[in-house]
Amino acid sequence: MVQPPPAPVQRTALQLYRDLLRLIEHVAPGTSPKAIALRATVRAQFDANRSETDVGRVEAHKASAVRALSNYMLYESGAKDAKLGKAMSRFNDDALASGKGGGGVGGKGGEGTKAYLS
């Protein structure tokens, strides 16, 4: 069965590229090896898909970029909010213990962090 293309992402590819570069500046300011590697990775991904014309694939790539930004924002929020941080840890621990994986909130491992906040 063919999946329909993802819902359109409201930001343009250029806006997402700039958002990712700003995020990198926040995560690894300056010219540290980490910053250089992150910028090179983002640039390579955008360059590799520069000539993509299939609307569905473009939207999928944009959705991946938005997901990366969202995951980082959630990670940062968990580091600052004790309740959210505990819920994220509990979710990942449960997902790893059940053998369904882990590695993030809302992934394949379960129903997301919302159930763990109560």
PDB file of N, CA and C in Angstrom:
ATOM      1  N   MET A   1       0.838  -1.171   0.000  1.00  0.00           N
ATOM      2  CA  MET A   1       0.000   0.000   0.000  1.00  0.00           C
ATOM      3  C   MET A   1       0.887   1.241   0.000  1.00  0.00           C
ATOM      4  N   VAL A   2       0.610   2.176  -0.855  1.00  0.00           N
ATOM      5  CA  VAL A   2       1.391   3.402  -0.972  1.00  0.00           C
ATOM      6  C   VAL A   2       0.883   4.419   0.038  1.00  0.00           C
ATOM      7  N   GLN A   3       1.816   4.989   0.783  1.00  0.00           N
ATOM      8  CA  GLN A   3       1.436   6.000   1.760  1.00  0.00           C
ATOM      9  C   GLN A   3       1.261   7.343   1.066  1.00  0.00           C
ATOM     10  N   PRO A   4       0.272   8.120   1.492  1.00  0.00           N
ATOM     11  CA  PRO A   4       0.118   9.452   0.908  1.00  0.00           C
ATOM     12  C   PRO A   4       1.272  10.341   1.351  1.00  0.00           C
ATOM     13  N   PRO A   5       1.572  11.371   0.580  1.00  0.00           N
ATOM     14  CA  PRO A   5       2.655  12.266   0.992  1.00  0.00           C
ATOM     15  C   PRO A   5       2.306  12.946   2.307  1.00  0.00           C
ATOM     16  N   PRO A   6       3.320  13.304   3.090  1.00  0.00           N
ATOM     17  CA  PRO A   6       3.042  13.966   4.361  1.00  0.00           C
ATOM     18  C   PRO A   6       2.377  15.317   4.146  1.00  0.00           C
ATOM     19  N   ALA A   7       1.711  15.781   5.185  1.00  0.00           N
ATOM     20  CA  ALA A   7       1.072  17.096   5.111  1.00  0.00           C
ATOM     21  C   ALA A   7       2.138  18.155   4.864  1.00  0.00           C
ATOM     22  N   PRO A   8       1.817  19.178   4.100  1.00  0.00           N
ATOM     23  CA  PRO A   8       2.820  20.203   3.796  1.00  0.00           C
ATOM     24  C   PRO A   8       3.336  20.899   5.057  1.00  0.00           C
ATOM     25  N   VAL A   9       4.624  21.107   5.085  1.00  0.00           N
ATOM     26  CA  VAL A   9       5.255  21.835   6.175  1.00  0.00           C
ATOM     27  C   VAL A   9       5.155  23.313   5.828  1.00  0.00           C
ATOM     28  N   GLN A  10       4.807  24.124   6.802  1.00  0.00           N
ATOM     29  CA  GLN A  10       4.529  25.531   6.545  1.00  0.00           C
ATOM     30  C   GLN A  10       5.778  26.360   6.237  1.00  0.00           C
ATOM     31  N   ARG A  11       6.937  25.887   6.586  1.00  0.00           N
ATOM     32  CA  ARG A  11       8.158  26.660   6.356  1.00  0.00           C
ATOM     33  C   ARG A  11       8.807  26.218   5.048  1.00  0.00           C
ATOM     34  N   THR A  12       9.452  27.158   4.393  1.00  0.00           N
ATOM     35  CA  THR A  12      10.157  26.828   3.160  1.00  0.00           C
ATOM     36  C   THR A  12      11.449  26.098   3.497  1.00  0.00           C
ATOM     37  N   ALA A  13      12.026  25.469   2.500  1.00  0.00           N
ATOM     38  CA  ALA A  13      13.291  24.767   2.711  1.00  0.00           C
ATOM     39  C   ALA A  13      14.380  25.744   3.164  1.00  0.00           C
ATOM     40  N   LEU A  14      14.394  26.931   2.597  1.00  0.00           N
ATOM     41  CA  LEU A  14      15.393  27.928   2.987  1.00  0.00           C
ATOM     42  C   LEU A  14      15.206  28.349   4.446  1.00  0.00           C
ATOM     43  N   GLN A  15      13.967  28.532   4.869  1.00  0.00           N
ATOM     44  CA  GLN A  15      13.708  28.892   6.268  1.00  0.00           C
ATOM     45  C   GLN A  15      14.171  27.779   7.204  1.00  0.00           C
ATOM     46  N   LEU A  16      13.895  26.533   6.831  1.00  0.00           N
ATOM     47  CA  LEU A  16      14.322  25.409   7.666  1.00  0.00           C
ATOM     48  C   LEU A  16      15.844  25.314   7.729  1.00  0.00           C
ATOM     49  N   TYR A  17      16.491  25.539   6.597  1.00  0.00           N
ATOM     50  CA  TYR A  17      17.954  25.519   6.555  1.00  0.00           C
ATOM     51  C   TYR A  17      18.516  26.570   7.513  1.00  0.00           C
ATOM     52  N   ARG A  18      17.966  27.762   7.457  1.00  0.00           N
ATOM     53  CA  ARG A  18      18.433  28.834   8.348  1.00  0.00           C
ATOM     54  C   ARG A  18      18.125  28.514   9.810  1.00  0.00           C
ATOM     55  N   ASP A  19      16.957  27.924  10.065  1.00  0.00           N
ATOM     56  CA  ASP A  19      16.617  27.519  11.436  1.00  0.00           C
ATOM     57  C   ASP A  19      17.626  26.505  11.968  1.00  0.00           C
ATOM     58  N   LEU A  20      17.985  25.550  11.122  1.00  0.00           N
ATOM     59  CA  LEU A  20      18.953  24.537  11.547  1.00  0.00           C
ATOM     60  C   LEU A  20      20.323  25.159  11.810  1.00  0.00           C
ATOM     61  N   LEU A  21      20.732  26.091  10.972  1.00  0.00           N
ATOM     62  CA  LEU A  21      22.018  26.756  11.205  1.00  0.00           C
ATOM     63  C   LEU A  21      21.992  27.566  12.500  1.00  0.00           C
ATOM     64  N   ARG A  22      20.859  28.211  12.800  1.00  0.00           N
ATOM     65  CA  ARG A  22      20.740  28.934  14.073  1.00  0.00           C
ATOM     66  C   ARG A  22      20.784  27.964  15.251  1.00  0.00           C
ATOM     67  N   LEU A  23      20.151  26.817  15.091  1.00  0.00           N
ATOM     68  CA  LEU A  23      20.184  25.807  16.147  1.00  0.00           C
ATOM     69  C   LEU A  23      21.615  25.336  16.385  1.00  0.00           C
ATOM     70  N   ILE A  24      22.354  25.128  15.319  1.00  0.00           N
ATOM     71  CA  ILE A  24      23.747  24.701  15.457  1.00  0.00           C
ATOM     72  C   ILE A  24      24.546  25.764  16.202  1.00  0.00           C
ATOM     73  N   GLU A  25      24.297  27.020  15.891  1.00  0.00           N
ATOM     74  CA  GLU A  25      25.000  28.106  16.591  1.00  0.00           C
ATOM     75  C   GLU A  25      24.675  28.077  18.085  1.00  0.00           C
ATOM     76  N   HIS A  26      23.458  27.677  18.419  1.00  0.00           N
ATOM     77  CA  HIS A  26      23.054  27.569  19.828  1.00  0.00           C
ATOM     78  C   HIS A  26      23.698  26.353  20.496  1.00  0.00           C
ATOM     79  N   VAL A  27      23.716  25.233  19.785  1.00  0.00           N
ATOM     80  CA  VAL A  27      24.239  23.985  20.341  1.00  0.00           C
ATOM     81  C   VAL A  27      25.757  24.017  20.439  1.00  0.00           C
ATOM     82  N   ALA A  28      26.394  24.491  19.386  1.00  0.00           N
ATOM     83  CA  ALA A  28      27.856  24.485  19.329  1.00  0.00           C
ATOM     84  C   ALA A  28      28.326  25.811  18.735  1.00  0.00           C
ATOM     85  N   PRO A  29      28.406  26.841  19.558  1.00  0.00           N
ATOM     86  CA  PRO A  29      28.787  28.152  19.025  1.00  0.00           C
ATOM     87  C   PRO A  29      30.230  28.185  18.534  1.00  0.00           C
ATOM     88  N   GLY A  30      30.463  29.094  17.617  1.00  0.00           N
ATOM     89  CA  GLY A  30      31.826  29.315  17.148  1.00  0.00           C
ATOM     90  C   GLY A  30      32.276  28.319  16.104  1.00  0.00           C
ATOM     91  N   THR A  31      33.562  28.021  16.161  1.00  0.00           N
ATOM     92  CA  THR A  31      34.159  27.141  15.153  1.00  0.00           C
ATOM     93  C   THR A  31      34.703  25.869  15.779  1.00  0.00           C
ATOM     94  N   SER A  32      33.992  25.364  16.756  1.00  0.00           N
ATOM     95  CA  SER A  32      34.415  24.112  17.377  1.00  0.00           C
ATOM     96  C   SER A  32      34.273  22.976  16.367  1.00  0.00           C
ATOM     97  N   PRO A  33      34.979  21.884  16.568  1.00  0.00           N
ATOM     98  CA  PRO A  33      34.832  20.744  15.657  1.00  0.00           C
ATOM     99  C   PRO A  33      33.383  20.255  15.566  1.00  0.00           C
ATOM    100  N   LYS A  34      32.671  20.309  16.684  1.00  0.00           N
ATOM    101  CA  LYS A  34      31.264  19.888  16.682  1.00  0.00           C
ATOM    102  C   LYS A  34      30.435  20.800  15.778  1.00  0.00           C
ATOM    103  N   ALA A  35      30.639  22.107  15.883  1.00  0.00           N
ATOM    104  CA  ALA A  35      29.893  23.063  15.060  1.00  0.00           C
ATOM    105  C   ALA A  35      30.204  22.864  13.582  1.00  0.00           C
ATOM    106  N   ILE A  36      31.463  22.679  13.274  1.00  0.00           N
ATOM    107  CA  ILE A  36      31.872  22.485  11.880  1.00  0.00           C
ATOM    108  C   ILE A  36      31.240  21.216  11.320  1.00  0.00           C
ATOM    109  N   ALA A  37      31.261  20.145  12.103  1.00  0.00           N
ATOM    110  CA  ALA A  37      30.684  18.874  11.644  1.00  0.00           C
ATOM    111  C   ALA A  37      29.171  18.986  11.456  1.00  0.00           C
ATOM    112  N   LEU A  38      28.496  19.640  12.398  1.00  0.00           N
ATOM    113  CA  LEU A  38      27.041  19.794  12.282  1.00  0.00           C
ATOM    114  C   LEU A  38      26.669  20.630  11.062  1.00  0.00           C
ATOM    115  N   ARG A  39      27.373  21.745  10.864  1.00  0.00           N
ATOM    116  CA  ARG A  39      27.085  22.583   9.692  1.00  0.00           C
ATOM    117  C   ARG A  39      27.346  21.823   8.398  1.00  0.00           C
ATOM    118  N   ALA A  40      28.426  21.060   8.366  1.00  0.00           N
ATOM    119  CA  ALA A  40      28.746  20.281   7.165  1.00  0.00           C
ATOM    120  C   ALA A  40      27.669  19.232   6.895  1.00  0.00           C
ATOM    121  N   THR A  41      27.153  18.614   7.948  1.00  0.00           N
ATOM    122  CA  THR A  41      26.111  17.602   7.786  1.00  0.00           C
ATOM    123  C   THR A  41      24.828  18.218   7.245  1.00  0.00           C
ATOM    124  N   VAL A  42      24.416  19.335   7.835  1.00  0.00           N
ATOM    125  CA  VAL A  42      23.193  20.006   7.372  1.00  0.00           C
ATOM    126  C   VAL A  42      23.368  20.462   5.930  1.00  0.00           C
ATOM    127  N   ARG A  43      24.494  21.082   5.641  1.00  0.00           N
ATOM    128  CA  ARG A  43      24.749  21.565   4.281  1.00  0.00           C
ATOM    129  C   ARG A  43      24.742  20.408   3.283  1.00  0.00           C
ATOM    130  N   ALA A  44      25.370  19.303   3.646  1.00  0.00           N
ATOM    131  CA  ALA A  44      25.424  18.147   2.745  1.00  0.00           C
ATOM    132  C   ALA A  44      24.030  17.592   2.470  1.00  0.00           C
ATOM    133  N   GLN A  45      23.190  17.528   3.499  1.00  0.00           N
ATOM    134  CA  GLN A  45      21.828  17.024   3.310  1.00  0.00           C
ATOM    135  C   GLN A  45      21.027  17.938   2.388  1.00  0.00           C
ATOM    136  N   PHE A  46      21.142  19.229   2.596  1.00  0.00           N
ATOM    137  CA  PHE A  46      20.404  20.157   1.741  1.00  0.00           C
ATOM    138  C   PHE A  46      20.966  20.144   0.320  1.00  0.00           C
ATOM    139  N   ASP A  47      22.292  20.086   0.179  1.00  0.00           N
ATOM    140  CA  ASP A  47      22.892  20.039  -1.160  1.00  0.00           C
ATOM    141  C   ASP A  47      22.506  18.760  -1.895  1.00  0.00           C
ATOM    142  N   ALA A  48      22.475  17.649  -1.183  1.00  0.00           N
ATOM    143  CA  ALA A  48      22.141  16.371  -1.807  1.00  0.00           C
ATOM    144  C   ALA A  48      20.716  16.355  -2.351  1.00  0.00           C
ATOM    145  N   ASN A  49      19.856  17.153  -1.755  1.00  0.00           N
ATOM    146  CA  ASN A  49      18.454  17.157  -2.167  1.00  0.00           C
ATOM    147  C   ASN A  49      18.041  18.447  -2.873  1.00  0.00           C
ATOM    148  N   ARG A  50      19.027  19.231  -3.255  1.00  0.00           N
ATOM    149  CA  ARG A  50      18.766  20.526  -3.895  1.00  0.00           C
ATOM    150  C   ARG A  50      17.942  20.389  -5.176  1.00  0.00           C
ATOM    151  N   SER A  51      18.186  19.359  -5.953  1.00  0.00           N
ATOM    152  CA  SER A  51      17.508  19.221  -7.247  1.00  0.00           C
ATOM    153  C   SER A  51      16.238  18.366  -7.162  1.00  0.00           C
ATOM    154  N   GLU A  52      15.821  18.030  -5.965  1.00  0.00           N
ATOM    155  CA  GLU A  52      14.613  17.214  -5.790  1.00  0.00           C
ATOM    156  C   GLU A  52      13.390  17.994  -6.274  1.00  0.00           C
ATOM    157  N   THR A  53      12.600  17.367  -7.133  1.00  0.00           N
ATOM    158  CA  THR A  53      11.408  18.032  -7.662  1.00  0.00           C
ATOM    159  C   THR A  53      10.116  17.333  -7.251  1.00  0.00           C
ATOM    160  N   ASP A  54      10.220  16.121  -6.751  1.00  0.00           N
ATOM    161  CA  ASP A  54       9.030  15.391  -6.312  1.00  0.00           C
ATOM    162  C   ASP A  54       8.491  16.050  -5.043  1.00  0.00           C
ATOM    163  N   VAL A  55       7.293  16.577  -5.132  1.00  0.00           N
ATOM    164  CA  VAL A  55       6.701  17.332  -4.022  1.00  0.00           C
ATOM    165  C   VAL A  55       6.610  16.473  -2.762  1.00  0.00           C
ATOM    166  N   GLY A  56       6.239  15.227  -2.911  1.00  0.00           N
ATOM    167  CA  GLY A  56       6.124  14.334  -1.756  1.00  0.00           C
ATOM    168  C   GLY A  56       7.451  14.141  -1.048  1.00  0.00           C
ATOM    169  N   ARG A  57       8.502  13.946  -1.824  1.00  0.00           N
ATOM    170  CA  ARG A  57       9.829  13.758  -1.223  1.00  0.00           C
ATOM    171  C   ARG A  57      10.336  15.051  -0.588  1.00  0.00           C
ATOM    172  N   VAL A  58      10.070  16.182  -1.231  1.00  0.00           N
ATOM    173  CA  VAL A  58      10.477  17.471  -0.656  1.00  0.00           C
ATOM    174  C   VAL A  58       9.785  17.666   0.691  1.00  0.00           C
ATOM    175  N   GLU A  59       8.489  17.389   0.738  1.00  0.00           N
ATOM    176  CA  GLU A  59       7.748  17.533   1.995  1.00  0.00           C
ATOM    177  C   GLU A  59       8.273  16.568   3.055  1.00  0.00           C
ATOM    178  N   ALA A  60       8.646  15.363   2.645  1.00  0.00           N
ATOM    179  CA  ALA A  60       9.199  14.397   3.600  1.00  0.00           C
ATOM    180  C   ALA A  60      10.525  14.905   4.171  1.00  0.00           C
ATOM    181  N   HIS A  61      11.363  15.479   3.320  1.00  0.00           N
ATOM    182  CA  HIS A  61      12.637  16.036   3.794  1.00  0.00           C
ATOM    183  C   HIS A  61      12.393  17.220   4.730  1.00  0.00           C
ATOM    184  N   LYS A  62      11.448  18.066   4.374  1.00  0.00           N
ATOM    185  CA  LYS A  62      11.131  19.204   5.235  1.00  0.00           C
ATOM    186  C   LYS A  62      10.580  18.727   6.574  1.00  0.00           C
ATOM    187  N   ALA A  63       9.751  17.695   6.541  1.00  0.00           N
ATOM    188  CA  ALA A  63       9.199  17.152   7.785  1.00  0.00           C
ATOM    189  C   ALA A  63      10.318  16.596   8.670  1.00  0.00           C
ATOM    190  N   SER A  64      11.313  15.982   8.060  1.00  0.00           N
ATOM    191  CA  SER A  64      12.453  15.472   8.828  1.00  0.00           C
ATOM    192  C   SER A  64      13.214  16.612   9.498  1.00  0.00           C
ATOM    193  N   ALA A  65      13.375  17.710   8.788  1.00  0.00           N
ATOM    194  CA  ALA A  65      14.070  18.864   9.366  1.00  0.00           C
ATOM    195  C   ALA A  65      13.274  19.443  10.530  1.00  0.00           C
ATOM    196  N   VAL A  66      11.965  19.541  10.367  1.00  0.00           N
ATOM    197  CA  VAL A  66      11.119  20.051  11.451  1.00  0.00           C
ATOM    198  C   VAL A  66      11.181  19.111  12.649  1.00  0.00           C
ATOM    199  N   ARG A  67      11.179  17.808  12.385  1.00  0.00           N
ATOM    200  CA  ARG A  67      11.263  16.821  13.461  1.00  0.00           C
ATOM    201  C   ARG A  67      12.580  16.967  14.224  1.00  0.00           C
ATOM    202  N   ALA A  68      13.661  17.217  13.501  1.00  0.00           N
ATOM    203  CA  ALA A  68      14.958  17.406  14.160  1.00  0.00           C
ATOM    204  C   ALA A  68      14.924  18.626  15.074  1.00  0.00           C
ATOM    205  N   LEU A  69      14.352  19.713  14.584  1.00  0.00           N
ATOM    206  CA  LEU A  69      14.241  20.912  15.412  1.00  0.00           C
ATOM    207  C   LEU A  69      13.354  20.660  16.629  1.00  0.00           C
ATOM    208  N   SER A  70      12.239  19.981  16.420  1.00  0.00           N
ATOM    209  CA  SER A  70      11.307  19.696  17.516  1.00  0.00           C
ATOM    210  C   SER A  70      11.940  18.788  18.560  1.00  0.00           C
ATOM    211  N   ASN A  71      12.659  17.780  18.099  1.00  0.00           N
ATOM    212  CA  ASN A  71      13.313  16.865  19.038  1.00  0.00           C
ATOM    213  C   ASN A  71      14.319  17.605  19.906  1.00  0.00           C
ATOM    214  N   TYR A  72      15.058  18.510  19.300  1.00  0.00           N
ATOM    215  CA  TYR A  72      16.031  19.255  20.094  1.00  0.00           C
ATOM    216  C   TYR A  72      15.327  20.147  21.107  1.00  0.00           C
ATOM    217  N   MET A  73      14.254  20.805  20.683  1.00  0.00           N
ATOM    218  CA  MET A  73      13.525  21.676  21.603  1.00  0.00           C
ATOM    219  C   MET A  73      12.957  20.863  22.771  1.00  0.00           C
ATOM    220  N   LEU A  74      12.453  19.672  22.493  1.00  0.00           N
ATOM    221  CA  LEU A  74      11.935  18.813  23.550  1.00  0.00           C
ATOM    222  C   LEU A  74      13.064  18.380  24.481  1.00  0.00           C
ATOM    223  N   TYR A  75      14.201  18.038  23.903  1.00  0.00           N
ATOM    224  CA  TYR A  75      15.360  17.642  24.695  1.00  0.00           C
ATOM    225  C   TYR A  75      15.774  18.770  25.639  1.00  0.00           C
ATOM    226  N   GLU A  76      15.847  19.983  25.111  1.00  0.00           N
ATOM    227  CA  GLU A  76      16.220  21.136  25.934  1.00  0.00           C
ATOM    228  C   GLU A  76      15.184  21.392  27.023  1.00  0.00           C
ATOM    229  N   SER A  77      13.912  21.255  26.680  1.00  0.00           N
ATOM    230  CA  SER A  77      12.854  21.457  27.670  1.00  0.00           C
ATOM    231  C   SER A  77      12.962  20.426  28.786  1.00  0.00           C
ATOM    232  N   GLY A  78      13.271  19.196  28.421  1.00  0.00           N
ATOM    233  CA  GLY A  78      13.423  18.141  29.417  1.00  0.00           C
ATOM    234  C   GLY A  78      14.581  18.402  30.353  1.00  0.00           C
ATOM    235  N   ALA A  79      15.612  19.053  29.844  1.00  0.00           N
ATOM    236  CA  ALA A  79      16.766  19.366  30.681  1.00  0.00           C
ATOM    237  C   ALA A  79      16.437  20.476  31.680  1.00  0.00           C
ATOM    238  N   LYS A  80      15.492  21.340  31.338  1.00  0.00           N
ATOM    239  CA  LYS A  80      15.155  22.478  32.196  1.00  0.00           C
ATOM    240  C   LYS A  80      13.955  22.215  33.093  1.00  0.00           C
ATOM    241  N   ASP A  81      13.080  21.320  32.697  1.00  0.00           N
ATOM    242  CA  ASP A  81      11.855  21.028  33.443  1.00  0.00           C
ATOM    243  C   ASP A  81      12.001  19.657  34.096  1.00  0.00           C
ATOM    244  N   ALA A  82      12.079  19.633  35.407  1.00  0.00           N
ATOM    245  CA  ALA A  82      12.329  18.380  36.126  1.00  0.00           C
ATOM    246  C   ALA A  82      11.245  17.342  35.854  1.00  0.00           C
ATOM    247  N   LYS A  83       9.983  17.756  35.846  1.00  0.00           N
ATOM    248  CA  LYS A  83       8.889  16.808  35.632  1.00  0.00           C
ATOM    249  C   LYS A  83       8.955  16.204  34.231  1.00  0.00           C
ATOM    250  N   LEU A  84       9.181  17.035  33.227  1.00  0.00           N
ATOM    251  CA  LEU A  84       9.287  16.536  31.860  1.00  0.00           C
ATOM    252  C   LEU A  84      10.519  15.652  31.707  1.00  0.00           C
ATOM    253  N   GLY A  85      11.631  16.055  32.304  1.00  0.00           N
ATOM    254  CA  GLY A  85      12.851  15.256  32.228  1.00  0.00           C
ATOM    255  C   GLY A  85      12.667  13.867  32.818  1.00  0.00           C
ATOM    256  N   LYS A  86      11.988  13.794  33.975  1.00  0.00           N
ATOM    257  CA  LYS A  86      11.728  12.490  34.592  1.00  0.00           C
ATOM    258  C   LYS A  86      10.812  11.651  33.712  1.00  0.00           C
ATOM    259  N   ALA A  87       9.801  12.290  33.125  1.00  0.00           N
ATOM    260  CA  ALA A  87       8.871  11.565  32.255  1.00  0.00           C
ATOM    261  C   ALA A  87       9.595  11.021  31.026  1.00  0.00           C
ATOM    262  N   MET A  88      10.482  11.822  30.454  1.00  0.00           N
ATOM    263  CA  MET A  88      11.239  11.369  29.284  1.00  0.00           C
ATOM    264  C   MET A  88      12.141  10.199  29.647  1.00  0.00           C
ATOM    265  N   SER A  89      12.796  10.280  30.788  1.00  0.00           N
ATOM    266  CA  SER A  89      13.667   9.188  31.221  1.00  0.00           C
ATOM    267  C   SER A  89      12.865   7.914  31.464  1.00  0.00           C
ATOM    268  N   ARG A  90      11.724   8.055  32.134  1.00  0.00           N
ATOM    269  CA  ARG A  90      10.885   6.894  32.416  1.00  0.00           C
ATOM    270  C   ARG A  90      10.377   6.270  31.120  1.00  0.00           C
ATOM    271  N   PHE A  91       9.973   7.102  30.172  1.00  0.00           N
ATOM    272  CA  PHE A  91       9.496   6.600  28.883  1.00  0.00           C
ATOM    273  C   PHE A  91      10.596   5.809  28.180  1.00  0.00           C
ATOM    274  N   ASN A  92      11.799   6.382  28.112  1.00  0.00           N
ATOM    275  CA  ASN A  92      12.897   5.696  27.436  1.00  0.00           C
ATOM    276  C   ASN A  92      13.291   4.419  28.163  1.00  0.00           C
ATOM    277  N   ASP A  93      13.309   4.452  29.490  1.00  0.00           N
ATOM    278  CA  ASP A  93      13.635   3.245  30.252  1.00  0.00           C
ATOM    279  C   ASP A  93      12.612   2.146  29.986  1.00  0.00           C
ATOM    280  N   ASP A  94      11.331   2.508  29.992  1.00  0.00           N
ATOM    281  CA  ASP A  94      10.272   1.532  29.730  1.00  0.00           C
ATOM    282  C   ASP A  94      10.376   0.977  28.311  1.00  0.00           C
ATOM    283  N   ALA A  95      10.653   1.848  27.357  1.00  0.00           N
ATOM    284  CA  ALA A  95      10.754   1.409  25.964  1.00  0.00           C
ATOM    285  C   ALA A  95      11.934   0.462  25.784  1.00  0.00           C
ATOM    286  N   LEU A  96      13.048   0.771  26.413  1.00  0.00           N
ATOM    287  CA  LEU A  96      14.216  -0.101  26.302  1.00  0.00           C
ATOM    288  C   LEU A  96      13.969  -1.434  26.998  1.00  0.00           C
ATOM    289  N   ALA A  97      13.312  -1.399  28.148  1.00  0.00           N
ATOM    290  CA  ALA A  97      13.034  -2.624  28.896  1.00  0.00           C
ATOM    291  C   ALA A  97      12.064  -3.531  28.146  1.00  0.00           C
ATOM    292  N   SER A  98      11.139  -2.933  27.401  1.00  0.00           N
ATOM    293  CA  SER A  98      10.148  -3.736  26.686  1.00  0.00           C
ATOM    294  C   SER A  98      10.696  -4.273  25.368  1.00  0.00           C
ATOM    295  N   GLY A  99      11.888  -3.830  24.987  1.00  0.00           N
ATOM    296  CA  GLY A  99      12.476  -4.294  23.741  1.00  0.00           C
ATOM    297  C   GLY A  99      11.934  -3.587  22.518  1.00  0.00           C
ATOM    298  N   LYS A 100      11.177  -2.530  22.724  1.00  0.00           N
ATOM    299  CA  LYS A 100      10.598  -1.793  21.595  1.00  0.00           C
ATOM    300  C   LYS A 100      11.478  -0.638  21.168  1.00  0.00           C
ATOM    301  N   GLY A 101      12.652  -0.562  21.709  1.00  0.00           N
ATOM    302  CA  GLY A 101      13.538   0.537  21.347  1.00  0.00           C
ATOM    303  C   GLY A 101      13.369   1.683  22.303  1.00  0.00           C
ATOM    304  N   GLY A 102      13.892   2.758  21.989  1.00  0.00           N
ATOM    305  CA  GLY A 102      13.818   3.955  22.811  1.00  0.00           C
ATOM    306  C   GLY A 102      14.272   5.083  21.942  1.00  0.00           C
ATOM    307  N   GLY A 103      15.181   5.835  22.445  1.00  0.00           N
ATOM    308  CA  GLY A 103      15.813   6.840  21.621  1.00  0.00           C
ATOM    309  C   GLY A 103      14.969   8.043  21.313  1.00  0.00           C
ATOM    310  N   GLY A 104      13.898   8.234  22.041  1.00  0.00           N
ATOM    311  CA  GLY A 104      13.173   9.467  21.795  1.00  0.00           C
ATOM    312  C   GLY A 104      11.730   9.380  22.178  1.00  0.00           C
ATOM    313  N   VAL A 105      11.155  10.516  22.311  1.00  0.00           N
ATOM    314  CA  VAL A 105       9.760  10.621  22.691  1.00  0.00           C
ATOM    315  C   VAL A 105       8.905  10.489  21.450  1.00  0.00           C
ATOM    316  N   GLY A 106       7.862   9.699  21.545  1.00  0.00           N
ATOM    317  CA  GLY A 106       6.935   9.576  20.434  1.00  0.00           C
ATOM    318  C   GLY A 106       7.444   8.703  19.314  1.00  0.00           C
ATOM    319  N   GLY A 107       8.509   7.965  19.549  1.00  0.00           N
ATOM    320  CA  GLY A 107       9.048   7.093  18.518  1.00  0.00           C
ATOM    321  C   GLY A 107       8.258   5.813  18.428  1.00  0.00           C
ATOM    322  N   LYS A 108       8.872   4.778  17.908  1.00  0.00           N
ATOM    323  CA  LYS A 108       8.193   3.512  17.716  1.00  0.00           C
ATOM    324  C   LYS A 108       7.928   2.801  19.032  1.00  0.00           C
ATOM    325  N   GLY A 109       8.558   3.259  20.098  1.00  0.00           N
ATOM    326  CA  GLY A 109       8.502   2.533  21.348  1.00  0.00           C
ATOM    327  C   GLY A 109       7.235   2.670  22.150  1.00  0.00           C
ATOM    328  N   GLY A 110       6.348   3.579  21.867  1.00  0.00           N
ATOM    329  CA  GLY A 110       5.174   3.677  22.715  1.00  0.00           C
ATOM    330  C   GLY A 110       4.306   4.859  22.395  1.00  0.00           C
ATOM    331  N   GLU A 111       3.550   5.241  23.388  1.00  0.00           N
ATOM    332  CA  GLU A 111       2.525   6.248  23.170  1.00  0.00           C
ATOM    333  C   GLU A 111       2.988   7.671  23.402  1.00  0.00           C
ATOM    334  N   GLY A 112       4.223   7.880  23.707  1.00  0.00           N
ATOM    335  CA  GLY A 112       4.724   9.235  23.881  1.00  0.00           C
ATOM    336  C   GLY A 112       4.818   9.617  25.346  1.00  0.00           C
ATOM    337  N   THR A 113       5.406  10.749  25.591  1.00  0.00           N
ATOM    338  CA  THR A 113       5.667  11.188  26.955  1.00  0.00           C
ATOM    339  C   THR A 113       4.411  11.646  27.670  1.00  0.00           C
ATOM    340  N   LYS A 114       3.398  12.068  26.949  1.00  0.00           N
ATOM    341  CA  LYS A 114       2.205  12.634  27.573  1.00  0.00           C
ATOM    342  C   LYS A 114       1.637  11.702  28.640  1.00  0.00           C
ATOM    343  N   ALA A 115       1.620  10.404  28.371  1.00  0.00           N
ATOM    344  CA  ALA A 115       1.083   9.449  29.336  1.00  0.00           C
ATOM    345  C   ALA A 115       1.946   9.365  30.590  1.00  0.00           C
ATOM    346  N   TYR A 116       3.197   9.730  30.502  1.00  0.00           N
ATOM    347  CA  TYR A 116       4.113   9.627  31.631  1.00  0.00           C
ATOM    348  C   TYR A 116       4.117  10.877  32.500  1.00  0.00           C
ATOM    349  N   LEU A 117       3.480  11.939  32.052  1.00  0.00           N
ATOM    350  CA  LEU A 117       3.496  13.186  32.805  1.00  0.00           C
ATOM    351  C   LEU A 117       2.521  13.188  33.969  1.00  0.00           C
ATOM    352  N   SER A 118       1.557  12.307  33.955  1.00  0.00           N
ATOM    353  CA  SER A 118       0.559  12.318  35.027  1.00  0.00           C
ATOM    354  C   SER A 118       1.009  11.525  36.228  1.00  0.00           C
TER     355      SER A 118
END
